[in-house]
N, C-alpha and C. Protein backbone atom coordinates (compact mmCIF):
# COMPACT_ATOMS: atom_id res chain seq x y z
N MET A 1 122.18 92.90 130.00
CA MET A 1 121.35 93.10 128.93
C MET A 1 120.63 91.69 128.68
N ASN A 2 119.21 91.40 128.83
CA ASN A 2 118.55 90.56 128.80
C ASN A 2 118.53 89.67 127.39
N SER A 3 118.01 88.62 127.19
CA SER A 3 117.74 87.64 125.99
C SER A 3 117.12 88.81 125.14
N ASN A 4 115.68 89.46 125.29
CA ASN A 4 114.97 90.19 124.71
C ASN A 4 115.73 91.23 123.86
N GLN A 5 116.54 91.90 124.85
CA GLN A 5 117.35 93.21 124.21
C GLN A 5 118.20 92.62 123.31
N ALA A 6 118.97 91.67 123.49
CA ALA A 6 120.15 90.77 122.77
C ALA A 6 119.41 90.81 121.25
N GLY A 7 118.20 90.00 121.20
CA GLY A 7 117.32 89.80 120.03
C GLY A 7 117.08 91.11 119.23
N GLN A 8 116.74 91.90 120.05
CA GLN A 8 116.25 93.04 119.53
C GLN A 8 117.38 93.98 118.90
N ASN A 9 118.70 93.66 119.28
CA ASN A 9 119.79 94.32 118.68
C ASN A 9 120.37 93.74 117.54
N ARG A 10 120.45 92.48 117.81
CA ARG A 10 120.68 91.69 116.53
C ARG A 10 119.62 91.86 115.27
N ASP A 11 118.47 92.05 115.26
CA ASP A 11 117.47 92.31 114.39
C ASP A 11 117.86 93.69 113.84
N LYS A 12 118.55 94.80 114.35
CA LYS A 12 118.62 95.88 113.66
C LYS A 12 119.97 96.01 113.15
N LEU A 13 120.88 94.97 113.01
CA LEU A 13 122.31 95.29 112.38
C LEU A 13 121.69 94.79 110.70
N ILE A 14 122.54 95.70 110.17
CA ILE A 14 122.62 95.73 108.61
C ILE A 14 123.21 94.43 108.05
N LEU A 15 122.48 93.97 107.01
CA LEU A 15 122.83 92.62 106.64
C LEU A 15 123.79 92.98 105.40
N CYS A 16 125.03 92.22 105.06
CA CYS A 16 125.43 92.24 104.01
C CYS A 16 126.06 90.85 103.60
N PHE A 17 125.86 90.46 102.27
CA PHE A 17 126.15 89.36 101.88
C PHE A 17 126.27 89.19 100.43
N PRO A 18 127.21 89.74 100.09
CA PRO A 18 127.42 90.26 98.60
C PRO A 18 127.77 89.05 97.48
N ASN A 19 127.75 88.06 98.04
CA ASN A 19 127.99 86.59 96.96
C ASN A 19 126.79 85.82 96.99
N TRP A 20 125.41 86.46 97.20
CA TRP A 20 124.35 85.50 97.29
C TRP A 20 123.89 84.97 96.02
N THR A 21 124.27 85.59 95.11
CA THR A 21 123.88 85.09 93.75
C THR A 21 124.55 83.67 93.68
N ALA A 22 125.78 83.54 93.98
CA ALA A 22 126.81 82.33 93.75
C ALA A 22 126.24 81.37 94.74
N ALA A 23 125.84 81.97 96.19
CA ALA A 23 125.47 80.63 96.89
C ALA A 23 124.20 80.17 96.76
N LEU A 24 123.28 80.89 95.92
CA LEU A 24 122.07 80.40 95.30
C LEU A 24 122.38 79.50 94.47
N ALA A 25 123.06 79.72 93.43
CA ALA A 25 123.54 79.01 92.37
C ALA A 25 123.89 77.44 92.86
N ALA A 26 124.86 77.75 93.75
CA ALA A 26 125.53 76.05 94.15
C ALA A 26 124.44 75.15 95.11
N ALA A 27 123.46 75.93 95.49
CA ALA A 27 122.57 75.29 96.61
C ALA A 27 121.06 74.96 96.20
N LEU A 28 120.69 75.29 95.11
CA LEU A 28 119.48 75.17 94.82
C LEU A 28 119.36 74.63 93.47
N GLU A 29 117.99 74.08 93.14
CA GLU A 29 117.69 73.61 91.77
C GLU A 29 117.23 74.87 90.92
N PRO A 30 117.19 74.97 89.71
CA PRO A 30 117.10 76.10 88.99
C PRO A 30 115.79 76.82 89.18
N ALA A 31 114.50 76.21 89.54
CA ALA A 31 113.24 76.83 89.56
C ALA A 31 113.23 77.59 90.90
N ALA A 32 113.78 76.77 91.92
CA ALA A 32 113.84 77.22 93.25
C ALA A 32 114.90 78.53 93.42
N LYS A 33 115.78 78.29 92.79
CA LYS A 33 116.71 79.73 92.58
C LYS A 33 116.40 80.88 92.00
N GLU A 34 115.56 80.62 90.86
CA GLU A 34 115.04 81.78 90.47
C GLU A 34 113.98 82.46 91.47
N ARG A 35 112.85 81.54 91.96
CA ARG A 35 112.08 82.09 92.76
C ARG A 35 112.68 82.86 93.86
N TYR A 36 113.86 82.37 94.52
CA TYR A 36 114.48 83.14 95.72
C TYR A 36 115.20 84.52 95.35
N ARG A 37 115.62 84.26 93.81
CA ARG A 37 116.38 85.39 93.12
C ARG A 37 115.68 86.61 93.15
N ARG A 38 114.43 86.22 92.61
CA ARG A 38 113.25 87.45 92.72
C ARG A 38 112.73 88.02 93.53
N GLU A 39 112.76 86.92 95.02
CA GLU A 39 112.31 87.52 96.17
C GLU A 39 113.31 88.39 96.67
N ILE A 40 114.76 88.08 96.60
CA ILE A 40 115.67 88.83 97.34
C ILE A 40 115.69 90.05 96.69
N LEU A 41 115.83 90.20 95.18
CA LEU A 41 115.95 91.40 94.34
C LEU A 41 114.64 92.38 94.70
N ALA A 42 113.40 91.92 94.94
CA ALA A 42 112.18 92.68 95.32
C ALA A 42 112.32 92.83 96.85
N PHE A 43 113.17 92.31 97.80
CA PHE A 43 113.32 92.92 99.06
C PHE A 43 114.43 94.13 98.82
N LEU A 44 115.23 93.81 98.12
CA LEU A 44 116.65 94.72 97.95
C LEU A 44 115.84 95.98 97.51
N HIS A 45 115.07 96.10 96.57
CA HIS A 45 114.16 97.00 95.97
C HIS A 45 113.55 97.86 97.10
N HIS A 46 112.76 97.12 97.83
CA HIS A 46 112.03 97.63 99.15
C HIS A 46 113.03 98.49 99.78
N CYS A 47 113.97 97.93 100.07
CA CYS A 47 115.14 98.58 100.83
C CYS A 47 115.39 99.94 100.36
N LYS A 48 115.61 99.86 98.94
CA LYS A 48 116.31 101.22 98.52
C LYS A 48 115.07 102.21 98.07
N ILE A 49 113.91 101.69 97.88
CA ILE A 49 112.85 103.00 98.18
C ILE A 49 112.56 103.64 99.23
N HIS A 50 112.78 102.60 100.45
CA HIS A 50 112.56 103.19 101.77
C HIS A 50 113.89 103.74 102.37
N HIS A 51 114.86 104.07 101.47
CA HIS A 51 116.13 104.14 101.96
C HIS A 51 116.47 103.68 103.17
N ALA A 52 116.81 102.70 103.47
CA ALA A 52 116.99 101.52 104.74
C ALA A 52 117.95 100.65 104.02
N GLY A 53 118.85 100.10 104.85
CA GLY A 53 119.80 99.19 104.96
C GLY A 53 118.83 97.89 105.27
N ALA A 54 119.42 96.54 104.53
CA ALA A 54 118.70 95.68 104.79
C ALA A 54 119.23 95.04 105.90
N SER A 55 117.95 94.70 106.78
CA SER A 55 118.30 94.13 108.31
C SER A 55 117.30 93.04 108.87
N ILE A 56 117.28 92.38 109.72
CA ILE A 56 116.65 91.34 110.23
C ILE A 56 115.21 91.88 110.10
N ILE A 57 115.22 92.89 111.02
CA ILE A 57 114.26 93.42 111.38
C ILE A 57 113.40 93.92 110.19
N LEU A 58 113.63 94.42 109.02
CA LEU A 58 113.34 94.63 108.04
C LEU A 58 112.88 93.53 106.77
N ALA A 59 113.70 92.64 107.29
CA ALA A 59 113.37 91.62 106.30
C ALA A 59 112.15 90.69 106.62
N LYS A 60 111.85 90.89 108.20
CA LYS A 60 110.96 89.98 108.85
C LYS A 60 109.69 90.96 108.50
N ALA A 61 109.55 92.32 108.54
CA ALA A 61 108.36 93.02 108.16
C ALA A 61 108.02 92.84 106.96
N TYR A 62 109.12 92.55 105.73
CA TYR A 62 108.82 92.68 104.45
C TYR A 62 108.29 91.31 104.11
N LEU A 63 108.66 90.12 104.80
CA LEU A 63 107.96 88.85 104.68
C LEU A 63 106.75 88.78 105.09
N SER A 64 106.52 89.27 106.28
CA SER A 64 105.11 89.49 106.87
C SER A 64 104.19 90.06 105.81
N VAL A 65 104.46 90.88 105.34
CA VAL A 65 103.03 91.78 104.56
C VAL A 65 103.18 91.10 103.31
N ALA A 66 104.36 90.39 102.90
CA ALA A 66 104.36 89.60 101.61
C ALA A 66 103.39 88.50 101.68
N GLU A 67 103.36 88.14 102.82
CA GLU A 67 102.76 86.61 103.17
C GLU A 67 101.46 86.91 103.21
N THR A 68 100.99 87.99 103.93
CA THR A 68 99.66 88.34 103.90
C THR A 68 98.80 88.71 102.71
N GLN A 69 100.00 89.14 101.78
CA GLN A 69 99.23 89.29 100.35
C GLN A 69 99.49 87.88 99.48
N GLY A 70 100.04 87.10 100.11
CA GLY A 70 99.87 85.90 99.06
C GLY A 70 101.00 86.03 98.20
N ARG A 71 102.09 86.91 98.42
CA ARG A 71 102.81 87.04 96.88
C ARG A 71 104.26 86.47 97.43
N SER A 72 104.49 85.57 98.35
CA SER A 72 106.06 85.37 98.65
C SER A 72 105.98 83.95 98.89
N GLY A 73 106.92 82.95 97.96
CA GLY A 73 107.15 81.85 98.36
C GLY A 73 108.22 81.73 99.11
N ALA A 74 109.15 82.72 99.25
CA ALA A 74 110.31 82.74 100.18
C ALA A 74 110.01 82.17 101.53
N ALA A 75 109.03 82.83 101.94
CA ALA A 75 108.91 82.84 103.45
C ALA A 75 108.21 81.45 104.09
N ALA A 76 107.81 80.75 102.86
CA ALA A 76 107.25 79.55 103.28
C ALA A 76 108.34 78.55 103.63
């Protein structure tokens, strides 16, 4: 398997980070924490309405669209 195939396989893995709210609380100032919290919840909602698990490839696509629409502070 070449490195490109390995990267593609990694991108398809389903993400699981059940303690993300605690990690945000510990690592960020309140204003930044709230921006990231809203963006994460919006992404999780996107996954839910598309009946898709959260994955790297889906997160990249979501952030790409959000960035082009000028609504994502998380991608910057």
